[in-house]
Amino acid sequence: MWRSLSGKPIPDLIAATQELLRGDREVIHVGSDSQNYGQATNYVTVVAVLDPGHGGRVFYQRSSIPRAQTLAHKLFLEAELSLDTALFLSRAFAHDIVVHVDVNQDIKHKSSQYVRALAGMVLGHGFQVRVKPDSWAATHLADSLVKGKHFSAA
C-alpha cells in the first residue's frame, strides 16, 4: 500500500500522481533504500513529485523479504523496485522520471563496484539516473523512512 508522508493510505498511485502533474515543469523522482532487520531485509520505495519553486509531494511503499545475503543482492533489488515503479508510472504519464540509485561513485565505498551496472540498468530502461551524492530520493527520503527516522503526523 502506498502512503503519503503523513501516513495517509494512497489506494491509487497513478491518480495521486496525476493530481500533482499540472504541466511539464514537474519532475517525478523514484528511489529505494533497504535495511536489514533480524532475518528480514526491509525496503522502502519513494515517489517524489517536484514542481520546481513550488515544492512537492512524496509517496512511499514498504516491502520486506527474507534477509538479503549480499550487498549486490540488496542494491540490485533496490534498483529493481525503483525501476518497477518508474515503469508503472511511465505507462500512465509522458513525463520526466528520474531514478535515484543508492550507490556511491567513490571507490572507498563498497557500493562503488556496482555503479556502472546499476546506472546502465536504469539508462537501459530509458530513464535518467542519479547516484550519490545526487540520489537524494534514495539516500535521504527512502533511507529515513526505512530506518524509521520519519514519524508521520497520523
Protein backbone atom coordinates (compact mmCIF):
# COMPACT_ATOMS: atom_id res chain seq x y z
CA MET A 1 0.00 0.00 0.00
CA TRP A 2 1.32 3.40 -0.96
CA ARG A 3 1.18 6.13 1.69
CA SER A 4 1.76 9.86 1.94
CA LEU A 5 4.38 11.14 4.38
CA SER A 6 1.56 11.85 6.84
CA GLY A 7 0.74 8.12 6.73
CA LYS A 8 -2.49 8.52 4.76
CA PRO A 9 -3.12 5.46 2.54
CA ILE A 10 -2.86 6.14 -1.20
CA PRO A 11 -5.00 3.47 -2.88
CA ASP A 12 -4.20 4.65 -6.43
CA LEU A 13 -0.65 5.90 -7.03
CA ILE A 14 -1.44 6.87 -10.64
CA ALA A 15 -4.41 9.05 -9.62
CA ALA A 16 -2.50 10.64 -6.73
CA THR A 17 0.44 11.44 -9.02
CA GLN A 18 -1.82 12.69 -11.81
CA GLU A 19 -3.34 15.27 -9.43
CA LEU A 20 0.13 16.79 -8.99
CA LEU A 21 1.02 16.97 -12.69
CA ARG A 22 -0.32 20.30 -13.92
CA GLY A 23 2.12 20.96 -16.73
CA ASP A 24 5.53 19.94 -17.93
CA ARG A 25 7.50 21.61 -15.12
CA GLU A 26 7.00 18.80 -12.63
CA VAL A 27 9.56 16.02 -12.38
CA ILE A 28 8.90 12.57 -10.92
CA HIS A 29 11.75 11.13 -8.85
CA VAL A 30 11.82 7.49 -7.75
CA GLY A 31 14.24 5.85 -5.32
CA SER A 32 14.53 2.93 -2.92
CA ASP A 33 16.61 2.00 0.09
CA SER A 34 16.82 -1.03 2.35
CA GLN A 35 17.81 -2.03 5.85
CA ASN A 36 18.46 -5.45 7.34
CA TYR A 37 16.43 -6.22 10.47
CA GLY A 38 16.93 -9.64 12.01
CA GLN A 39 16.07 -12.26 9.42
CA ALA A 40 14.44 -9.77 7.01
CA THR A 41 15.50 -7.00 4.68
CA ASN A 42 13.02 -4.14 4.66
CA TYR A 43 12.69 -1.93 1.59
CA VAL A 44 11.09 1.46 1.04
CA THR A 45 10.38 2.89 -2.40
CA VAL A 46 9.54 6.58 -2.71
CA VAL A 47 7.94 8.65 -5.44
CA ALA A 48 8.59 12.39 -5.14
CA VAL A 49 6.75 14.72 -7.48
CA LEU A 50 8.52 18.09 -7.55
CA ASP A 51 7.29 21.34 -9.02
CA PRO A 52 10.46 23.48 -9.07
CA GLY A 53 10.00 26.60 -6.99
CA HIS A 54 6.66 25.35 -5.65
CA GLY A 55 7.57 22.31 -3.53
CA GLY A 56 6.43 18.75 -3.98
CA ARG A 57 4.77 15.66 -2.51
CA VAL A 58 6.15 12.29 -1.52
CA PHE A 59 4.52 8.86 -1.55
CA TYR A 60 6.14 5.69 -0.25
CA GLN A 61 5.64 1.95 -0.08
CA ARG A 62 7.22 -0.61 2.24
CA SER A 63 8.10 -4.22 1.47
CA SER A 64 10.08 -6.96 3.16
CA ILE A 65 11.85 -10.13 2.04
CA PRO A 66 13.97 -12.76 3.79
CA ARG A 67 17.34 -11.20 4.65
CA ALA A 68 19.44 -10.27 1.62
CA GLN A 69 22.71 -12.16 1.85
CA THR A 70 24.95 -9.81 -0.12
CA LEU A 71 25.35 -6.11 -0.81
CA ALA A 72 24.87 -6.80 -4.52
CA HIS A 73 21.53 -8.53 -3.84
CA LYS A 74 20.29 -5.58 -1.75
CA LEU A 75 21.41 -2.93 -4.26
CA PHE A 76 20.04 -4.69 -7.32
CA LEU A 77 16.69 -5.30 -5.63
CA GLU A 78 16.52 -1.63 -4.59
CA ALA A 79 17.12 -0.65 -8.23
CA GLU A 80 14.56 -3.21 -9.43
CA LEU A 81 11.88 -1.86 -7.08
CA SER A 82 12.57 1.68 -8.27
CA LEU A 83 12.52 0.62 -11.92
CA ASP A 84 9.26 -1.31 -11.48
CA THR A 85 7.68 1.83 -10.03
CA ALA A 86 9.16 4.09 -12.72
CA LEU A 87 7.91 1.76 -15.47
CA PHE A 88 4.45 1.63 -13.88
CA LEU A 89 4.29 5.44 -13.80
CA SER A 90 5.75 5.84 -17.30
CA ARG A 91 2.91 3.77 -18.77
CA ALA A 92 0.46 6.34 -17.40
CA PHE A 93 2.37 9.59 -17.99
CA ALA A 94 4.59 11.03 -20.69
CA HIS A 95 6.60 12.86 -18.05
CA ASP A 96 10.22 13.12 -16.94
CA ILE A 97 11.07 10.36 -14.48
CA VAL A 98 14.42 10.25 -12.71
CA VAL A 99 15.50 7.07 -10.92
CA HIS A 100 17.79 7.53 -7.91
CA VAL A 101 20.15 4.66 -7.09
CA ASP A 102 21.75 4.28 -3.65
CA VAL A 103 25.33 3.67 -4.85
CA ASN A 104 28.45 5.75 -4.39
CA GLN A 105 30.95 6.56 -7.14
CA ASP A 106 33.74 7.00 -4.58
CA ILE A 107 35.87 3.82 -4.69
CA LYS A 108 36.36 3.83 -0.91
CA HIS A 109 32.73 2.64 -0.64
CA LYS A 110 31.81 -0.99 -1.34
CA SER A 111 28.82 0.03 -3.47
CA SER A 112 31.12 1.75 -6.00
CA GLN A 113 31.75 -1.53 -7.80
CA TYR A 114 28.08 -1.62 -8.83
CA VAL A 115 27.68 1.96 -10.11
CA ARG A 116 28.13 1.18 -13.82
CA ALA A 117 25.89 -1.90 -13.76
CA LEU A 118 23.05 -0.22 -11.86
CA ALA A 119 23.26 3.05 -13.80
CA GLY A 120 23.28 1.05 -17.04
CA MET A 121 20.22 -0.89 -15.90
CA VAL A 122 18.31 2.35 -15.34
CA LEU A 123 19.52 4.03 -18.52
CA GLY A 124 18.72 0.88 -20.49
CA HIS A 125 15.08 1.28 -19.45
CA GLY A 126 15.07 4.84 -20.79
CA PHE A 127 15.15 6.77 -17.52
CA GLN A 128 17.51 9.40 -16.22
CA VAL A 129 19.67 8.15 -13.36
CA ARG A 130 21.14 9.79 -10.26
CA VAL A 131 23.79 8.24 -8.00
CA LYS A 132 25.37 9.56 -4.80
CA PRO A 133 25.78 12.36 -3.93
CA ASP A 134 22.82 13.37 -6.16
CA SER A 135 20.46 10.46 -5.41
CA TRP A 136 18.52 12.20 -2.65
CA ALA A 137 15.27 10.25 -3.21
CA ALA A 138 17.09 7.03 -2.27
CA THR A 139 19.78 8.28 0.10
CA HIS A 140 17.66 10.69 2.12
CA LEU A 141 13.92 10.13 1.63
CA ALA A 142 13.82 6.33 1.38
CA ASP A 143 16.70 5.99 3.84
CA SER A 144 14.94 7.98 6.57
CA LEU A 145 11.71 6.02 6.06
CA VAL A 146 13.30 2.57 6.05
CA LYS A 147 15.29 3.41 9.19
CA GLY A 148 12.23 4.79 10.97
CA LYS A 149 13.64 8.32 11.24
CA HIS A 150 10.45 9.83 9.81
CA PHE A 151 7.47 9.93 12.09
CA SER A 152 4.19 10.73 10.39
CA ALA A 153 1.60 13.00 11.89
CA ALA A 154 -1.05 10.30 11.52
